[in-house]
Amino acid sequence: MSATNPTPGESAPLHIEAICDGVPTQLDAEEIRVTLPNGIVFNLSRGLDPSGSIVANIPSDGPDADEFSVFVLRPGAANLLHINAERHPRSTVEECT
């Protein structure tokens, strides 16, 4: 992992450790793309909060897309959060009336 500390105003990369077959690989990243088993991709990036937050984002196909994705977050314990995502069909104004 990077041992350098960013100067004030400089963005620190996300420090990650990917583990495959018990072997860790450490690296720094500006963005992490996660593909869930259902095929939905979401991105993790640094938040603007100086306390060290991250932002999770599901890329959108635009406002005219036939469907949209939403996060499904379920608490598991004080230090555990289950993250999933679902696709939903976009309804039209005619369908809502």
N, C-alpha and C. Protein backbone atom coordinates (compact mmCIF):
# COMPACT_ATOMS: atom_id res chain seq x y z
N MET A 1 0.84 -1.17 0.00
CA MET A 1 0.00 0.00 0.00
C MET A 1 0.88 1.23 0.00
N SER A 2 0.31 2.31 -0.48
CA SER A 2 1.05 3.56 -0.54
C SER A 2 1.35 4.06 0.87
N ALA A 3 2.56 4.49 1.09
CA ALA A 3 2.94 5.01 2.40
C ALA A 3 2.96 6.52 2.42
N THR A 4 2.59 7.15 1.32
CA THR A 4 2.64 8.61 1.26
C THR A 4 1.33 9.19 1.76
N ASN A 5 1.43 10.30 2.44
CA ASN A 5 0.25 11.02 2.90
C ASN A 5 0.03 12.20 1.98
N PRO A 6 -1.19 12.40 1.49
CA PRO A 6 -1.43 13.52 0.60
C PRO A 6 -1.32 14.85 1.33
N THR A 7 -0.91 15.87 0.62
CA THR A 7 -0.90 17.21 1.20
C THR A 7 -2.33 17.71 1.24
N PRO A 8 -2.63 18.70 2.09
CA PRO A 8 -4.00 19.22 2.15
C PRO A 8 -4.47 19.64 0.76
N GLY A 9 -5.70 19.25 0.43
CA GLY A 9 -6.26 19.58 -0.88
C GLY A 9 -5.96 18.53 -1.94
N GLU A 10 -5.02 17.65 -1.68
CA GLU A 10 -4.69 16.59 -2.63
C GLU A 10 -5.53 15.36 -2.31
N SER A 11 -6.04 14.70 -3.33
CA SER A 11 -6.88 13.52 -3.12
C SER A 11 -6.01 12.30 -2.85
N ALA A 12 -6.34 11.60 -1.78
CA ALA A 12 -5.67 10.34 -1.50
C ALA A 12 -6.40 9.24 -2.26
N PRO A 13 -5.69 8.28 -2.81
CA PRO A 13 -6.36 7.18 -3.50
C PRO A 13 -7.04 6.27 -2.48
N LEU A 14 -7.96 5.46 -2.97
CA LEU A 14 -8.53 4.42 -2.14
C LEU A 14 -7.49 3.31 -2.03
N HIS A 15 -7.25 2.83 -0.85
CA HIS A 15 -6.31 1.73 -0.64
C HIS A 15 -7.13 0.46 -0.54
N ILE A 16 -6.92 -0.50 -1.43
CA ILE A 16 -7.69 -1.73 -1.40
C ILE A 16 -6.77 -2.93 -1.34
N GLU A 17 -7.36 -4.02 -0.89
CA GLU A 17 -6.66 -5.29 -0.88
C GLU A 17 -7.64 -6.31 -1.45
N ALA A 18 -7.34 -6.83 -2.62
CA ALA A 18 -8.15 -7.87 -3.25
C ALA A 18 -7.56 -9.22 -2.87
N ILE A 19 -8.43 -10.13 -2.45
CA ILE A 19 -7.96 -11.44 -2.00
C ILE A 19 -8.54 -12.51 -2.91
N CYS A 20 -7.67 -13.31 -3.51
CA CYS A 20 -8.07 -14.40 -4.39
C CYS A 20 -7.31 -15.65 -3.96
N ASP A 21 -8.05 -16.70 -3.66
CA ASP A 21 -7.45 -17.96 -3.18
C ASP A 21 -6.55 -17.72 -1.98
N GLY A 22 -6.97 -16.80 -1.11
CA GLY A 22 -6.22 -16.52 0.11
C GLY A 22 -5.00 -15.64 -0.07
N VAL A 23 -4.72 -15.22 -1.30
CA VAL A 23 -3.53 -14.40 -1.57
C VAL A 23 -3.97 -12.94 -1.74
N PRO A 24 -3.51 -12.05 -0.85
CA PRO A 24 -3.89 -10.65 -0.96
C PRO A 24 -3.03 -9.90 -1.98
N THR A 25 -3.67 -9.01 -2.71
CA THR A 25 -2.97 -8.10 -3.62
C THR A 25 -3.37 -6.69 -3.24
N GLN A 26 -2.42 -5.87 -2.87
CA GLN A 26 -2.70 -4.51 -2.44
C GLN A 26 -2.47 -3.55 -3.59
N LEU A 27 -3.35 -2.55 -3.69
CA LEU A 27 -3.15 -1.51 -4.69
C LEU A 27 -3.93 -0.26 -4.33
N ASP A 28 -3.57 0.84 -4.95
CA ASP A 28 -4.26 2.11 -4.79
C ASP A 28 -5.13 2.32 -6.02
N ALA A 29 -6.30 2.92 -5.83
CA ALA A 29 -7.21 3.11 -6.94
C ALA A 29 -7.97 4.42 -6.78
N GLU A 30 -8.29 5.05 -7.91
CA GLU A 30 -9.15 6.23 -7.89
C GLU A 30 -10.61 5.81 -7.84
N GLU A 31 -10.91 4.66 -8.46
CA GLU A 31 -12.27 4.16 -8.51
C GLU A 31 -12.23 2.64 -8.50
N ILE A 32 -13.19 2.03 -7.84
CA ILE A 32 -13.30 0.58 -7.79
C ILE A 32 -14.63 0.22 -8.43
N ARG A 33 -14.61 -0.68 -9.41
CA ARG A 33 -15.84 -1.15 -10.05
C ARG A 33 -16.14 -2.55 -9.54
N VAL A 34 -17.35 -2.72 -9.04
CA VAL A 34 -17.78 -4.00 -8.48
C VAL A 34 -18.92 -4.53 -9.35
N THR A 35 -18.80 -5.76 -9.80
CA THR A 35 -19.89 -6.41 -10.54
C THR A 35 -20.53 -7.43 -9.61
N LEU A 36 -21.81 -7.23 -9.33
CA LEU A 36 -22.54 -8.15 -8.48
C LEU A 36 -22.90 -9.42 -9.26
N PRO A 37 -23.22 -10.50 -8.57
CA PRO A 37 -23.58 -11.74 -9.27
C PRO A 37 -24.75 -11.57 -10.24
N ASN A 38 -25.63 -10.58 -10.01
CA ASN A 38 -26.76 -10.36 -10.92
C ASN A 38 -26.38 -9.49 -12.13
N GLY A 39 -25.10 -9.14 -12.25
CA GLY A 39 -24.62 -8.39 -13.40
C GLY A 39 -24.64 -6.88 -13.25
N ILE A 40 -25.23 -6.36 -12.20
CA ILE A 40 -25.26 -4.91 -11.99
C ILE A 40 -23.89 -4.46 -11.50
N VAL A 41 -23.39 -3.38 -12.11
CA VAL A 41 -22.08 -2.84 -11.76
C VAL A 41 -22.28 -1.56 -10.96
N PHE A 42 -21.51 -1.42 -9.88
CA PHE A 42 -21.48 -0.14 -9.18
C PHE A 42 -20.05 0.27 -8.93
N ASN A 43 -19.86 1.56 -8.76
CA ASN A 43 -18.53 2.14 -8.59
C ASN A 43 -18.39 2.69 -7.18
N LEU A 44 -17.20 2.53 -6.62
CA LEU A 44 -16.84 3.14 -5.35
C LEU A 44 -15.75 4.16 -5.62
N SER A 45 -15.92 5.36 -5.09
CA SER A 45 -14.91 6.39 -5.25
C SER A 45 -14.83 7.20 -3.97
N ARG A 46 -13.80 8.00 -3.88
CA ARG A 46 -13.59 8.83 -2.70
C ARG A 46 -14.68 9.87 -2.57
N GLY A 47 -15.18 10.05 -1.37
CA GLY A 47 -16.15 11.11 -1.11
C GLY A 47 -15.44 12.43 -0.84
N LEU A 48 -16.21 13.47 -0.78
CA LEU A 48 -15.64 14.79 -0.51
C LEU A 48 -15.49 15.08 0.98
N ASP A 49 -16.06 14.24 1.81
CA ASP A 49 -15.98 14.40 3.25
C ASP A 49 -14.54 14.17 3.71
N PRO A 50 -13.92 15.12 4.36
CA PRO A 50 -12.53 14.94 4.78
C PRO A 50 -12.33 13.83 5.82
N SER A 51 -13.41 13.33 6.40
CA SER A 51 -13.27 12.26 7.39
C SER A 51 -13.00 10.90 6.73
N GLY A 52 -13.10 10.84 5.39
CA GLY A 52 -12.73 9.62 4.70
C GLY A 52 -13.89 8.81 4.16
N SER A 53 -14.97 9.43 3.75
CA SER A 53 -16.11 8.69 3.23
C SER A 53 -15.85 8.19 1.81
N ILE A 54 -16.68 7.25 1.37
CA ILE A 54 -16.65 6.80 -0.02
C ILE A 54 -18.05 6.98 -0.60
N VAL A 55 -18.12 7.07 -1.93
CA VAL A 55 -19.38 7.23 -2.64
C VAL A 55 -19.61 5.96 -3.46
N ALA A 56 -20.80 5.40 -3.35
CA ALA A 56 -21.20 4.25 -4.16
C ALA A 56 -22.19 4.75 -5.21
N ASN A 57 -21.95 4.41 -6.46
CA ASN A 57 -22.77 4.92 -7.56
C ASN A 57 -23.04 3.79 -8.55
N ILE A 58 -24.31 3.65 -8.95
CA ILE A 58 -24.66 2.74 -10.04
C ILE A 58 -24.80 3.60 -11.28
N PRO A 59 -23.95 3.39 -12.29
CA PRO A 59 -24.05 4.21 -13.50
C PRO A 59 -25.44 4.07 -14.13
N SER A 60 -25.93 5.17 -14.63
CA SER A 60 -27.26 5.21 -15.24
C SER A 60 -27.15 5.21 -16.76
N ASP A 61 -28.14 4.63 -17.41
CA ASP A 61 -28.21 4.67 -18.87
C ASP A 61 -28.93 5.93 -19.35
N GLY A 62 -29.24 6.84 -18.45
CA GLY A 62 -29.88 8.10 -18.82
C GLY A 62 -31.35 8.13 -18.45
N PRO A 63 -31.95 9.31 -18.50
CA PRO A 63 -33.33 9.47 -18.06
C PRO A 63 -34.36 8.77 -18.96
N ASP A 64 -33.98 8.41 -20.18
CA ASP A 64 -34.91 7.74 -21.09
C ASP A 64 -34.74 6.22 -21.12
N ALA A 65 -33.92 5.69 -20.26
CA ALA A 65 -33.68 4.24 -20.23
C ALA A 65 -34.96 3.51 -19.82
N ASP A 66 -35.11 2.28 -20.28
CA ASP A 66 -36.30 1.48 -19.97
C ASP A 66 -36.33 0.99 -18.53
N GLU A 67 -35.17 0.94 -17.89
CA GLU A 67 -35.11 0.48 -16.52
C GLU A 67 -34.04 1.27 -15.77
N PHE A 68 -34.10 1.18 -14.45
CA PHE A 68 -33.11 1.85 -13.60
C PHE A 68 -32.72 0.91 -12.47
N SER A 69 -31.56 1.12 -11.91
CA SER A 69 -31.06 0.28 -10.81
C SER A 69 -31.07 1.06 -9.51
N VAL A 70 -31.34 0.37 -8.43
CA VAL A 70 -31.32 0.97 -7.10
C VAL A 70 -30.53 0.06 -6.16
N PHE A 71 -29.91 0.67 -5.16
CA PHE A 71 -29.23 -0.12 -4.14
C PHE A 71 -30.25 -0.71 -3.17
N VAL A 72 -29.93 -1.88 -2.66
CA VAL A 72 -30.69 -2.51 -1.59
C VAL A 72 -29.69 -2.72 -0.46
N LEU A 73 -29.85 -1.99 0.63
CA LEU A 73 -28.94 -2.06 1.77
C LEU A 73 -29.66 -2.68 2.95
N ARG A 74 -29.05 -3.71 3.52
CA ARG A 74 -29.63 -4.37 4.69
C ARG A 74 -28.58 -4.41 5.79
N PRO A 75 -28.90 -3.85 6.95
CA PRO A 75 -27.95 -3.96 8.05
C PRO A 75 -27.86 -5.39 8.54
N GLY A 76 -26.67 -5.81 8.89
CA GLY A 76 -26.47 -7.16 9.40
C GLY A 76 -26.05 -7.15 10.85
N ALA A 77 -25.31 -6.15 11.25
CA ALA A 77 -24.83 -5.96 12.62
C ALA A 77 -24.26 -4.54 12.67
N ALA A 78 -23.71 -4.18 13.80
CA ALA A 78 -23.17 -2.83 13.92
C ALA A 78 -22.04 -2.56 12.94
N ASN A 79 -21.33 -3.60 12.54
CA ASN A 79 -20.20 -3.45 11.62
C ASN A 79 -20.37 -4.25 10.34
N LEU A 80 -21.63 -4.51 9.93
CA LEU A 80 -21.89 -5.33 8.75
C LEU A 80 -23.04 -4.73 7.95
N LEU A 81 -22.84 -4.61 6.65
CA LEU A 81 -23.86 -4.07 5.76
C LEU A 81 -23.92 -4.93 4.51
N HIS A 82 -25.08 -5.48 4.20
CA HIS A 82 -25.27 -6.26 2.98
C HIS A 82 -25.64 -5.29 1.86
N ILE A 83 -24.90 -5.33 0.76
CA ILE A 83 -25.13 -4.43 -0.37
C ILE A 83 -25.55 -5.25 -1.57
N ASN A 84 -26.68 -4.89 -2.16
CA ASN A 84 -27.13 -5.52 -3.39
C ASN A 84 -27.72 -4.41 -4.25
N ALA A 85 -28.15 -4.74 -5.44
CA ALA A 85 -28.80 -3.79 -6.32
C ALA A 85 -29.85 -4.53 -7.13
N GLU A 86 -30.89 -3.82 -7.49
CA GLU A 86 -31.97 -4.40 -8.28
C GLU A 86 -32.27 -3.49 -9.47
N ARG A 87 -32.76 -4.10 -10.55
CA ARG A 87 -33.23 -3.33 -11.70
C ARG A 87 -34.75 -3.26 -11.65
N HIS A 88 -35.28 -2.09 -11.98
CA HIS A 88 -36.73 -1.88 -12.01
C HIS A 88 -37.11 -1.24 -13.33
N PRO A 89 -38.25 -1.64 -13.88
CA PRO A 89 -38.70 -0.99 -15.12
C PRO A 89 -39.12 0.44 -14.82
N ARG A 90 -38.79 1.32 -15.74
CA ARG A 90 -39.19 2.73 -15.57
C ARG A 90 -40.62 2.86 -16.05
N SER A 91 -41.48 3.40 -15.21
CA SER A 91 -42.86 3.58 -15.61
C SER A 91 -43.03 4.94 -16.29
N THR A 92 -43.98 5.02 -17.17
CA THR A 92 -44.27 6.27 -17.87
C THR A 92 -45.38 7.01 -17.15
N VAL A 93 -45.59 8.26 -17.48
CA VAL A 93 -46.63 9.06 -16.86
C VAL A 93 -47.99 8.41 -17.09
N GLU A 94 -48.21 7.86 -18.30
CA GLU A 94 -49.48 7.22 -18.61
C GLU A 94 -49.74 6.03 -17.70
N GLU A 95 -48.68 5.26 -17.36
CA GLU A 95 -48.84 4.10 -16.50
C GLU A 95 -49.18 4.47 -15.07
N CYS A 96 -48.81 5.67 -14.66
CA CYS A 96 -49.00 6.11 -13.28
C CYS A 96 -50.38 6.70 -13.06
N THR A 97 -51.11 7.03 -14.11
CA THR A 97 -52.41 7.67 -13.93
C THR A 97 -53.55 6.70 -14.08
